[in-house]
């Protein structure tokens, strides 16, 4: 069964979380993490 649609509206705050399978790291190194944060910031714009 599909989950209900997410309610979105302008100016809302959203909680974003990333987890690897079985608690594994999701970033290879510091540069990898920084690149992810850069993409995330662009998505916010």
Protein backbone atom coordinates (compact mmCIF):
# COMPACT_ATOMS: atom_id res chain seq x y z
CA UNK A 1 0.00 0.00 0.00
CA UNK A 2 1.33 3.45 -0.92
CA UNK A 3 1.81 6.06 1.77
CA UNK A 4 -0.45 9.15 1.84
CA UNK A 5 0.72 12.16 -0.15
CA UNK A 6 2.96 14.56 1.74
CA UNK A 7 1.44 17.95 2.47
CA UNK A 8 3.78 20.69 1.23
CA UNK A 9 3.47 24.43 1.56
CA UNK A 10 5.66 27.48 1.11
CA UNK A 11 7.76 28.46 4.12
CA UNK A 12 7.39 25.09 5.83
CA UNK A 13 10.23 23.37 7.69
CA UNK A 14 11.15 19.83 6.73
CA UNK A 15 13.27 17.28 8.55
CA UNK A 16 15.78 15.60 6.22
CA UNK A 17 17.63 12.48 7.34
CA UNK A 18 20.00 10.14 5.55
CA UNK A 19 20.94 6.71 6.80
CA UNK A 20 22.94 3.90 5.31
CA UNK A 21 21.81 0.28 5.42
CA UNK A 22 22.58 -1.32 8.77
CA UNK A 23 24.05 1.94 10.06
CA UNK A 24 26.77 2.08 7.39
CA UNK A 25 28.35 5.40 6.43
CA UNK A 26 26.70 7.06 3.45
CA UNK A 27 29.60 9.35 2.61
CA UNK A 28 32.95 8.12 1.31
CA UNK A 29 34.91 11.07 2.69
CA UNK A 30 34.59 14.72 3.76
CA UNK A 31 34.49 15.96 0.15
CA UNK A 32 31.65 13.55 -0.64
CA UNK A 33 29.66 14.92 2.32
CA UNK A 34 30.35 18.53 1.33
CA UNK A 35 29.19 17.85 -2.24
CA UNK A 36 25.95 16.37 -0.90
CA UNK A 37 25.36 19.46 1.25
CA UNK A 38 25.99 21.65 -1.80
CA UNK A 39 23.33 19.75 -3.79
CA UNK A 40 20.95 19.94 -0.85
CA UNK A 41 21.40 23.72 -0.61
CA UNK A 42 20.65 24.07 -4.33
CA UNK A 43 17.49 22.03 -3.85
CA UNK A 44 16.33 24.37 -1.11
CA UNK A 45 16.60 27.35 -3.45
